[in-house]
C-alpha atoms as a PDB file:
ATOM      1  CA  UNK A   1       0.000   0.000   0.000  1.00  0.00           C
ATOM      2  CA  UNK A   2       1.424   3.400  -1.009  1.00  0.00           C
ATOM      3  CA  UNK A   3       1.902   6.270   1.419  1.00  0.00           C
ATOM      4  CA  UNK A   4      -0.791   8.493  -0.225  1.00  0.00           C
ATOM      5  CA  UNK A   5      -3.247   5.581  -0.042  1.00  0.00           C
ATOM      6  CA  UNK A   6      -2.525   5.128   3.671  1.00  0.00           C
ATOM      7  CA  UNK A   7      -3.051   8.838   4.306  1.00  0.00           C
ATOM      8  CA  UNK A   8      -6.338   8.745   2.365  1.00  0.00           C
ATOM      9  CA  UNK A   9      -7.434   5.730   4.424  1.00  0.00           C
ATOM     10  CA  UNK A  10      -6.652   7.648   7.611  1.00  0.00           C
ATOM     11  CA  UNK A  11      -8.622  10.728   6.499  1.00  0.00           C
ATOM     12  CA  UNK A  12     -11.572   8.561   5.429  1.00  0.00           C
ATOM     13  CA  UNK A  13     -11.461   6.649   8.714  1.00  0.00           C
ATOM     14  CA  UNK A  14     -11.500   9.920  10.656  1.00  0.00           C
ATOM     15  CA  UNK A  15     -14.494  10.997   8.589  1.00  0.00           C
ATOM     16  CA  UNK A  16     -16.270   7.757   9.504  1.00  0.00           C
ATOM     17  CA  UNK A  17     -15.639   8.335  13.218  1.00  0.00           C
ATOM     18  CA  UNK A  18     -16.955  11.902  12.902  1.00  0.00           C
ATOM     19  CA  UNK A  19     -20.097  10.492  11.285  1.00  0.00           C
ATOM     20  CA  UNK A  20     -20.426   8.161  14.264  1.00  0.00           C
ATOM     21  CA  UNK A  21     -20.176  11.197  16.569  1.00  0.00           C
ATOM     22  CA  UNK A  22     -23.000  12.817  14.609  1.00  0.00           C
ATOM     23  CA  UNK A  23     -25.148   9.727  15.217  1.00  0.00           C
ATOM     24  CA  UNK A  24     -24.325   9.979  18.935  1.00  0.00           C
ATOM     25  CA  UNK A  25     -25.458  13.607  19.004  1.00  0.00           C
ATOM     26  CA  UNK A  26     -28.722  12.607  17.313  1.00  0.00           C
ATOM     27  CA  UNK A  27     -29.356   9.714  19.697  1.00  0.00           C
ATOM     28  CA  UNK A  28     -28.455  11.717  22.817  1.00  0.00           C
ATOM     29  CA  UNK A  29     -31.715  13.654  22.528  1.00  0.00           C
ATOM     30  CA  UNK A  30     -33.756  10.584  23.521  1.00  0.00           C
ATOM     31  CA  UNK A  31     -31.277   7.925  24.691  1.00  0.00           C
ATOM     32  CA  UNK A  32     -29.064   7.989  27.840  1.00  0.00           C
ATOM     33  CA  UNK A  33     -25.342   8.361  27.161  1.00  0.00           C
ATOM     34  CA  UNK A  34     -24.437   5.131  29.061  1.00  0.00           C
ATOM     35  CA  UNK A  35     -26.793   3.169  26.787  1.00  0.00           C
ATOM     36  CA  UNK A  36     -25.389   4.836  23.666  1.00  0.00           C
ATOM     37  CA  UNK A  37     -21.788   4.197  24.694  1.00  0.00           C
ATOM     38  CA  UNK A  38     -22.339   0.572  25.648  1.00  0.00           C
ATOM     39  CA  UNK A  39     -24.529  -0.015  22.581  1.00  0.00           C
ATOM     40  CA  UNK A  40     -21.885   1.349  20.230  1.00  0.00           C
ATOM     41  CA  UNK A  41     -19.331  -1.198  21.436  1.00  0.00           C
ATOM     42  CA  UNK A  42     -21.795  -4.079  21.825  1.00  0.00           C
ATOM     43  CA  UNK A  43     -22.939  -3.743  18.216  1.00  0.00           C
ATOM     44  CA  UNK A  44     -19.356  -3.095  17.146  1.00  0.00           C
ATOM     45  CA  UNK A  45     -18.251  -6.316  18.831  1.00  0.00           C
ATOM     46  CA  UNK A  46     -20.982  -8.307  17.112  1.00  0.00           C
ATOM     47  CA  UNK A  47     -20.033  -6.942  13.691  1.00  0.00           C
ATOM     48  CA  UNK A  48     -16.307  -7.339  14.356  1.00  0.00           C
ATOM     49  CA  UNK A  49     -16.831 -10.984  15.341  1.00  0.00           C
ATOM     50  CA  UNK A  50     -18.594 -11.613  12.027  1.00  0.00           C
ATOM     51  CA  UNK A  51     -15.659 -10.099  10.131  1.00  0.00           C
ATOM     52  CA  UNK A  52     -13.182 -12.048  12.293  1.00  0.00           C
ATOM     53  CA  UNK A  53     -15.022 -15.259  11.426  1.00  0.00           C
ATOM     54  CA  UNK A  54     -15.134 -14.338   7.738  1.00  0.00           C
ATOM     55  CA  UNK A  55     -11.391 -13.564   7.754  1.00  0.00           C
ATOM     56  CA  UNK A  56     -10.614 -17.087   8.963  1.00  0.00           C
ATOM     57  CA  UNK A  57     -10.502 -16.308  12.697  1.00  0.00           C
ATOM     58  CA  UNK A  58      -6.990 -14.755  12.976  1.00  0.00           C
ATOM     59  CA  UNK A  59      -5.317 -16.022  16.124  1.00  0.00           C
ATOM     60  CA  UNK A  60      -5.487 -14.027  19.334  1.00  0.00           C
ATOM     61  CA  UNK A  61      -2.326 -14.511  21.410  1.00  0.00           C
ATOM     62  CA  UNK A  62      -1.497 -13.792  25.029  1.00  0.00           C
ATOM     63  CA  UNK A  63       1.171 -11.288  23.932  1.00  0.00           C
ATOM     64  CA  UNK A  64      -1.514  -9.114  22.338  1.00  0.00           C
ATOM     65  CA  UNK A  65      -3.715  -8.847  25.405  1.00  0.00           C
ATOM     66  CA  UNK A  66      -1.957  -6.457  27.844  1.00  0.00           C
ATOM     67  CA  UNK A  67      -1.729  -3.513  25.481  1.00  0.00           C
ATOM     68  CA  UNK A  68      -5.209  -4.115  24.032  1.00  0.00           C
ATOM     69  CA  UNK A  69      -6.671  -4.257  27.543  1.00  0.00           C
ATOM     70  CA  UNK A  70      -5.101  -0.942  28.533  1.00  0.00           C
ATOM     71  CA  UNK A  71      -6.051   0.599  25.196  1.00  0.00           C
ATOM     72  CA  UNK A  72      -9.633  -0.682  25.558  1.00  0.00           C
ATOM     73  CA  UNK A  73      -9.974   0.943  28.998  1.00  0.00           C
ATOM     74  CA  UNK A  74      -8.754   4.237  27.540  1.00  0.00           C
ATOM     75  CA  UNK A  75     -11.209   3.940  24.638  1.00  0.00           C
ATOM     76  CA  UNK A  76     -14.114   3.299  27.012  1.00  0.00           C
ATOM     77  CA  UNK A  77     -13.259   6.334  29.154  1.00  0.00           C
ATOM     78  CA  UNK A  78     -12.688   8.484  26.073  1.00  0.00           C
ATOM     79  CA  UNK A  79     -15.961   7.498  24.412  1.00  0.00           C
ATOM     80  CA  UNK A  80     -18.129   8.020  27.498  1.00  0.00           C
ATOM     81  CA  UNK A  81     -16.755  11.482  28.305  1.00  0.00           C
ATOM     82  CA  UNK A  82     -16.715  12.677  24.690  1.00  0.00           C
ATOM     83  CA  UNK A  83     -20.228  11.419  23.944  1.00  0.00           C
ATOM     84  CA  UNK A  84     -21.458  13.124  27.102  1.00  0.00           C
ATOM     85  CA  UNK A  85     -19.938  16.436  25.951  1.00  0.00           C
ATOM     86  CA  UNK A  86     -21.849  16.235  22.663  1.00  0.00           C
ATOM     87  CA  UNK A  87     -25.086  16.815  24.577  1.00  0.00           C
ATOM     88  CA  UNK A  88     -23.898  20.351  25.343  1.00  0.00           C
ATOM     89  CA  UNK A  89     -21.464  21.358  22.597  1.00  0.00           C
ATOM     90  CA  UNK A  90     -22.016  21.678  18.840  1.00  0.00           C
ATOM     91  CA  UNK A  91     -20.257  18.914  16.899  1.00  0.00           C
ATOM     92  CA  UNK A  92     -17.615  21.111  15.251  1.00  0.00           C
ATOM     93  CA  UNK A  93     -16.861  22.836  18.571  1.00  0.00           C
ATOM     94  CA  UNK A  94     -16.366  19.552  20.409  1.00  0.00           C
ATOM     95  CA  UNK A  95     -14.079  18.253  17.663  1.00  0.00           C
ATOM     96  CA  UNK A  96     -12.096  21.501  17.702  1.00  0.00           C
ATOM     97  CA  UNK A  97     -11.552  21.293  21.448  1.00  0.00           C
ATOM     98  CA  UNK A  98     -10.355  17.707  21.105  1.00  0.00           C
ATOM     99  CA  UNK A  99      -7.444  18.843  18.942  1.00  0.00           C
ATOM    100  CA  UNK A 100      -5.147  18.813  21.924  1.00  0.00           C
ATOM    101  CA  UNK A 101      -4.799  15.105  21.066  1.00  0.00           C
ATOM    102  CA  UNK A 102      -2.715  15.497  17.859  1.00  0.00           C
ATOM    103  CA  UNK A 103      -0.360  17.823  19.731  1.00  0.00           C
ATOM    104  CA  UNK A 104       0.178  15.214  22.434  1.00  0.00           C
ATOM    105  CA  UNK A 105       0.755  12.306  20.065  1.00  0.00           C
ATOM    106  CA  UNK A 106       4.310  13.140  18.838  1.00  0.00           C
ATOM    107  CA  UNK A 107       5.828  13.343  22.354  1.00  0.00           C
ATOM    108  CA  UNK A 108       3.801  10.300  23.411  1.00  0.00           C
ATOM    109  CA  UNK A 109       5.048   8.378  20.355  1.00  0.00           C
ATOM    110  CA  UNK A 110       8.603   9.388  21.204  1.00  0.00           C
ATOM    111  CA  UNK A 111       8.212   8.299  24.828  1.00  0.00           C
ATOM    112  CA  UNK A 112       6.229   5.082  24.262  1.00  0.00           C
ATOM    113  CA  UNK A 113       7.459   3.886  20.850  1.00  0.00           C
ATOM    114  CA  UNK A 114      10.883   5.472  20.556  1.00  0.00           C
ATOM    115  CA  UNK A 115       9.926   7.409  17.410  1.00  0.00           C
ATOM    116  CA  UNK A 116      12.291  10.300  16.748  1.00  0.00           C
ATOM    117  CA  UNK A 117      10.422  13.585  16.932  1.00  0.00           C
ATOM    118  CA  UNK A 118      10.713  15.158  13.477  1.00  0.00           C
ATOM    119  CA  UNK A 119      10.896  18.977  13.429  1.00  0.00           C
ATOM    120  CA  UNK A 120       8.833  19.188  10.237  1.00  0.00           C
ATOM    121  CA  UNK A 121       6.000  17.215  11.813  1.00  0.00           C
ATOM    122  CA  UNK A 122       6.084  19.332  14.955  1.00  0.00           C
ATOM    123  CA  UNK A 123       5.865  22.425  12.743  1.00  0.00           C
ATOM    124  CA  UNK A 124       3.010  20.871  10.736  1.00  0.00           C
ATOM    125  CA  UNK A 125       1.178  20.119  13.974  1.00  0.00           C
ATOM    126  CA  UNK A 126       1.663  23.717  15.093  1.00  0.00           C
ATOM    127  CA  UNK A 127       0.290  24.922  11.748  1.00  0.00           C
ATOM    128  CA  UNK A 128      -2.718  22.639  12.189  1.00  0.00           C
ATOM    129  CA  UNK A 129      -3.327  24.132  15.616  1.00  0.00           C
ATOM    130  CA  UNK A 130      -3.164  27.621  14.101  1.00  0.00           C
ATOM    131  CA  UNK A 131      -6.027  26.447  11.906  1.00  0.00           C
ATOM    132  CA  UNK A 132      -7.908  25.405  15.038  1.00  0.00           C
ATOM    133  CA  UNK A 133      -7.320  28.841  16.621  1.00  0.00           C
ATOM    134  CA  UNK A 134      -8.644  30.513  13.481  1.00  0.00           C
ATOM    135  CA  UNK A 135     -11.679  28.242  13.617  1.00  0.00           C
ATOM    136  CA  UNK A 136     -12.653  29.077  17.196  1.00  0.00           C
ATOM    137  CA  UNK A 137     -12.728  32.817  16.545  1.00  0.00           C
ATOM    138  CA  UNK A 138     -16.305  33.977  17.047  1.00  0.00           C
ATOM    139  CA  UNK A 139     -17.313  30.789  18.906  1.00  0.00           C
ATOM    140  CA  UNK A 140     -19.512  31.058  22.016  1.00  0.00           C
ATOM    141  CA  UNK A 141     -17.846  31.498  25.382  1.00  0.00           C
ATOM    142  CA  UNK A 142     -17.357  28.522  27.632  1.00  0.00           C
ATOM    143  CA  UNK A 143     -19.091  28.990  30.966  1.00  0.00           C
ATOM    144  CA  UNK A 144     -21.615  27.207  33.172  1.00  0.00           C
ATOM    145  CA  UNK A 145     -22.368  23.692  31.950  1.00  0.00           C
ATOM    146  CA  UNK A 146     -20.053  24.299  29.019  1.00  0.00           C
ATOM    147  CA  UNK A 147     -17.080  24.317  31.398  1.00  0.00           C
ATOM    148  CA  UNK A 148     -17.896  20.760  32.446  1.00  0.00           C
ATOM    149  CA  UNK A 149     -18.299  19.761  28.810  1.00  0.00           C
ATOM    150  CA  UNK A 150     -14.947  21.392  28.080  1.00  0.00           C
ATOM    151  CA  UNK A 151     -13.258  19.357  30.807  1.00  0.00           C
ATOM    152  CA  UNK A 152     -14.870  16.180  29.432  1.00  0.00           C
ATOM    153  CA  UNK A 153     -13.555  16.874  25.922  1.00  0.00           C
ATOM    154  CA  UNK A 154     -10.035  17.589  27.173  1.00  0.00           C
ATOM    155  CA  UNK A 155      -9.971  14.351  29.183  1.00  0.00           C
ATOM    156  CA  UNK A 156     -11.253  12.440  26.155  1.00  0.00           C
ATOM    157  CA  UNK A 157      -8.550  14.001  23.988  1.00  0.00           C
ATOM    158  CA  UNK A 158      -5.744  12.853  26.291  1.00  0.00           C
ATOM    159  CA  UNK A 159      -7.183   9.313  26.399  1.00  0.00           C
ATOM    160  CA  UNK A 160      -7.587   9.299  22.605  1.00  0.00           C
ATOM    161  CA  UNK A 161      -3.977  10.386  22.051  1.00  0.00           C
ATOM    162  CA  UNK A 162      -2.636   7.591  24.260  1.00  0.00           C
ATOM    163  CA  UNK A 163      -4.916   4.998  22.630  1.00  0.00           C
ATOM    164  CA  UNK A 164      -3.827   6.115  19.154  1.00  0.00           C
ATOM    165  CA  UNK A 165      -0.133   5.774  19.972  1.00  0.00           C
ATOM    166  CA  UNK A 166      -0.814   2.303  21.392  1.00  0.00           C
ATOM    167  CA  UNK A 167      -2.565   1.449  18.125  1.00  0.00           C
ATOM    168  CA  UNK A 168       0.664   2.150  16.260  1.00  0.00           C
ATOM    169  CA  UNK A 169       2.426  -0.288  18.604  1.00  0.00           C
ATOM    170  CA  UNK A 170       0.161  -3.235  17.672  1.00  0.00           C
ATOM    171  CA  UNK A 171      -1.384  -2.441  14.275  1.00  0.00           C
ATOM    172  CA  UNK A 172       1.350  -3.964  12.107  1.00  0.00           C
ATOM    173  CA  UNK A 173       1.703  -7.152  14.186  1.00  0.00           C
ATOM    174  CA  UNK A 174      -1.961  -7.855  14.895  1.00  0.00           C
ATOM    175  CA  UNK A 175      -3.693  -6.699  11.722  1.00  0.00           C
ATOM    176  CA  UNK A 176      -6.784  -4.565  11.261  1.00  0.00           C
ATOM    177  CA  UNK A 177      -9.257  -7.403  11.928  1.00  0.00           C
ATOM    178  CA  UNK A 178      -7.975  -8.166  15.423  1.00  0.00           C
ATOM    179  CA  UNK A 179      -7.425  -4.487  16.246  1.00  0.00           C
ATOM    180  CA  UNK A 180     -11.029  -3.709  15.315  1.00  0.00           C
ATOM    181  CA  UNK A 181     -12.351  -6.629  17.362  1.00  0.00           C
ATOM    182  CA  UNK A 182     -10.341  -5.740  20.456  1.00  0.00           C
ATOM    183  CA  UNK A 183     -11.171  -2.044  20.060  1.00  0.00           C
ATOM    184  CA  UNK A 184     -14.847  -2.947  20.456  1.00  0.00           C
ATOM    185  CA  UNK A 185     -14.862  -5.990  22.745  1.00  0.00           C
ATOM    186  CA  UNK A 186     -12.702  -4.598  25.562  1.00  0.00           C
ATOM    187  CA  UNK A 187     -14.625  -1.298  25.861  1.00  0.00           C
ATOM    188  CA  UNK A 188     -17.887  -3.273  25.773  1.00  0.00           C
ATOM    189  CA  UNK A 189     -16.757  -5.334  28.774  1.00  0.00           C
ATOM    190  CA  UNK A 190     -15.494  -2.258  30.632  1.00  0.00           C
ATOM    191  CA  UNK A 191     -18.738  -0.350  30.022  1.00  0.00           C
ATOM    192  CA  UNK A 192     -21.132  -3.213  30.749  1.00  0.00           C
ATOM    193  CA  UNK A 193     -21.660  -2.276  34.463  1.00  0.00           C
ATOM    194  CA  UNK A 194     -22.935   1.219  33.607  1.00  0.00           C
ATOM    195  CA  UNK A 195     -25.601  -0.284  31.324  1.00  0.00           C
ATOM    196  CA  UNK A 196     -27.034  -2.515  34.082  1.00  0.00           C
ATOM    197  CA  UNK A 197     -30.501  -1.328  35.040  1.00  0.00           C
ATOM    198  CA  UNK A 198     -30.735   1.161  32.180  1.00  0.00           C
ATOM    199  CA  UNK A 199     -33.904   1.285  30.118  1.00  0.00           C
ATOM    200  CA  UNK A 200     -33.730  -0.797  26.953  1.00  0.00           C
ATOM    201  CA  UNK A 201     -33.532   1.322  23.793  1.00  0.00           C
ATOM    202  CA  UNK A 202     -36.423   1.191  21.343  1.00  0.00           C
ATOM    203  CA  UNK A 203     -36.259  -0.527  17.980  1.00  0.00           C
ATOM    204  CA  UNK A 204     -35.369   2.697  16.166  1.00  0.00           C
ATOM    205  CA  UNK A 205     -32.533   3.389  18.602  1.00  0.00           C
ATOM    206  CA  UNK A 206     -31.227  -0.164  18.155  1.00  0.00           C
ATOM    207  CA  UNK A 207     -31.057   0.492  14.415  1.00  0.00           C
ATOM    208  CA  UNK A 208     -29.007   3.633  15.024  1.00  0.00           C
ATOM    209  CA  UNK A 209     -26.716   1.725  17.409  1.00  0.00           C
ATOM    210  CA  UNK A 210     -26.127  -0.928  14.755  1.00  0.00           C
ATOM    211  CA  UNK A 211     -25.241   1.810  12.294  1.00  0.00           C
ATOM    212  CA  UNK A 212     -22.888   3.306  14.890  1.00  0.00           C
ATOM    213  CA  UNK A 213     -21.171  -0.047  15.330  1.00  0.00           C
ATOM    214  CA  UNK A 214     -20.764  -0.466  11.573  1.00  0.00           C
ATOM    215  CA  UNK A 215     -19.486   3.059  10.912  1.00  0.00           C
ATOM    216  CA  UNK A 216     -17.200   2.958  13.954  1.00  0.00           C
ATOM    217  CA  UNK A 217     -15.694  -0.378  12.932  1.00  0.00           C
ATOM    218  CA  UNK A 218     -15.082   0.868   9.398  1.00  0.00           C
ATOM    219  CA  UNK A 219     -13.308   3.909  10.820  1.00  0.00           C
ATOM    220  CA  UNK A 220     -11.114   1.796  13.118  1.00  0.00           C
ATOM    221  CA  UNK A 221     -10.303  -0.618  10.254  1.00  0.00           C
ATOM    222  CA  UNK A 222      -9.157   2.191   7.965  1.00  0.00           C
ATOM    223  CA  UNK A 223      -7.162   4.013  10.630  1.00  0.00           C
ATOM    224  CA  UNK A 224      -5.468   0.830  11.890  1.00  0.00           C
ATOM    225  CA  UNK A 225      -4.359   0.018   8.335  1.00  0.00           C
ATOM    226  CA  UNK A 226      -2.845   3.483   8.062  1.00  0.00           C
ATOM    227  CA  UNK A 227      -1.081   3.170  11.432  1.00  0.00           C
ATOM    228  CA  UNK A 228       0.474  -0.091  10.282  1.00  0.00           C
ATOM    229  CA  UNK A 229       2.230   1.838   7.502  1.00  0.00           C
ATOM    230  CA  UNK A 230       2.980   5.340   8.772  1.00  0.00           C
ATOM    231  CA  UNK A 231       4.508   6.877  11.904  1.00  0.00           C
ATOM    232  CA  UNK A 232       2.113   7.953  14.640  1.00  0.00           C
ATOM    233  CA  UNK A 233       3.355  11.549  14.571  1.00  0.00           C
ATOM    234  CA  UNK A 234       2.582  11.852  10.845  1.00  0.00           C
ATOM    235  CA  UNK A 235      -0.968  10.622  11.357  1.00  0.00           C
ATOM    236  CA  UNK A 236      -1.335  12.866  14.402  1.00  0.00           C
ATOM    237  CA  UNK A 237      -1.503  15.856  12.067  1.00  0.00           C
ATOM    238  CA  UNK A 238      -4.121  14.055   9.954  1.00  0.00           C
ATOM    239  CA  UNK A 239      -6.391  14.112  13.016  1.00  0.00           C
ATOM    240  CA  UNK A 240      -6.972  17.808  12.319  1.00  0.00           C
ATOM    241  CA  UNK A 241      -8.942  16.755   9.211  1.00  0.00           C
ATOM    242  CA  UNK A 242     -11.790  15.882  11.605  1.00  0.00           C
ATOM    243  CA  UNK A 243     -12.732  19.559  11.759  1.00  0.00           C
ATOM    244  CA  UNK A 244     -14.073  19.949   8.193  1.00  0.00           C
ATOM    245  CA  UNK A 245     -15.817  16.575   8.551  1.00  0.00           C
ATOM    246  CA  UNK A 246     -17.493  17.693  11.780  1.00  0.00           C
ATOM    247  CA  UNK A 247     -18.461  21.073  10.322  1.00  0.00           C
ATOM    248  CA  UNK A 248     -20.016  19.346   7.313  1.00  0.00           C
ATOM    249  CA  UNK A 249     -22.004  16.843   9.397  1.00  0.00           C
ATOM    250  CA  UNK A 250     -23.109  19.530  11.852  1.00  0.00           C
ATOM    251  CA  UNK A 251     -24.388  21.674   8.992  1.00  0.00           C
ATOM    252  CA  UNK A 252     -26.104  18.832   7.093  1.00  0.00           C
ATOM    253  CA  UNK A 253     -27.697  16.961  10.013  1.00  0.00           C
ATOM    254  CA  UNK A 254     -28.219  19.589  12.722  1.00  0.00           C
ATOM    255  CA  UNK A 255     -28.365  22.857  10.764  1.00  0.00           C
ATOM    256  CA  UNK A 256     -25.428  24.110  12.849  1.00  0.00           C
ATOM    257  CA  UNK A 257     -24.153  27.220  11.053  1.00  0.00           C
ATOM    258  CA  UNK A 258     -20.635  26.991   9.693  1.00  0.00           C
ATOM    259  CA  UNK A 259     -18.871  30.276  10.366  1.00  0.00           C
ATOM    260  CA  UNK A 260     -16.416  31.604   7.727  1.00  0.00           C
ATOM    261  CA  UNK A 261     -13.647  31.134  10.289  1.00  0.00           C
ATOM    262  CA  UNK A 262     -14.318  27.376  10.233  1.00  0.00           C
ATOM    263  CA  UNK A 263     -13.654  27.157   6.509  1.00  0.00           C
ATOM    264  CA  UNK A 264     -10.560  29.377   6.802  1.00  0.00           C
ATOM    265  CA  UNK A 265      -9.266  27.150   9.579  1.00  0.00           C
ATOM    266  CA  UNK A 266     -10.081  24.044   7.557  1.00  0.00           C
ATOM    267  CA  UNK A 267      -7.941  25.352   4.679  1.00  0.00           C
ATOM    268  CA  UNK A 268      -4.988  25.865   7.019  1.00  0.00           C
ATOM    269  CA  UNK A 269      -5.523  22.392   8.489  1.00  0.00           C
ATOM    270  CA  UNK A 270      -5.540  20.872   5.003  1.00  0.00           C
ATOM    271  CA  UNK A 271      -2.189  22.520   4.261  1.00  0.00           C
ATOM    272  CA  UNK A 272      -0.790  21.113   7.515  1.00  0.00           C
ATOM    273  CA  UNK A 273      -2.017  17.622   6.613  1.00  0.00           C
ATOM    274  CA  UNK A 274      -0.486  17.790   3.136  1.00  0.00           C
ATOM    275  CA  UNK A 275       2.801  19.021   4.609  1.00  0.00           C
ATOM    276  CA  UNK A 276       2.893  16.229   7.168  1.00  0.00           C
ATOM    277  CA  UNK A 277       1.959  13.659   4.533  1.00  0.00           C
ATOM    278  CA  UNK A 278       4.998  14.290   2.348  1.00  0.00           C
ATOM    279  CA  UNK A 279       7.557  11.490   2.277  1.00  0.00           C
ATOM    280  CA  UNK A 280      10.254  12.119   4.883  1.00  0.00           C
ATOM    281  CA  UNK A 281      13.487  13.407   3.298  1.00  0.00           C
ATOM    282  CA  UNK A 282      16.534  11.229   3.748  1.00  0.00           C
ATOM    283  CA  UNK A 283      18.333  13.871   5.844  1.00  0.00           C
ATOM    284  CA  UNK A 284      15.395  14.488   8.191  1.00  0.00           C
END
């Protein structure tokens, strides 16, 4: 698989996860967040098991489990707090606030994986964050309940950054099928206690949860394939591409106005992604 193909897979996978967030925001109007969060990973596990079976049941080994268990706990905490924040914040705003994650990924990758921090990628990440700062100009202030939602997004971003770096550590060895299965099954088990005693979702909500599981699994599949090919700090900058996706979904599905600053910021973010996606020069 070529480098541009891997980068396209990553951007498409991020778009799929943003679509899943849009479904969460829609469901949150009538369905409790614990039910949504557990349902996303329960349906995702079911679908991932079907793919695992279809792929010839790739072997799960004991060596895989420790990192996947830790990563699954992080995913569960990240999903619950981020989904909860979507009840208060517009989709594009929540995604924008979560962009602390790409800035944390290069130092985390250096610390956890031994990747050398590349100055060009640090600069590209800084440029992407400039795009985020442009985007938030004119946004509402954060006070009252929004402060709590802000804290939830920031916590989710830190957990997401750590989980993404861990994905790089296992993606090449384990393959996308096992990564997708473990990314759903472990969070499902972790979240199962919070779903005990909750009201059962209606048939319509179950349909949306199935769609969430499908879209989420597709996103994880695409991103894990990209992480198997490209350094975590390169793909960290690609995370900024979530902003135009979120703005588009917020406008189409929730009639959330897209301010001119969002599109200006999106253009800067695109430049940062293209810069980060260039092949690394031999002397860098």
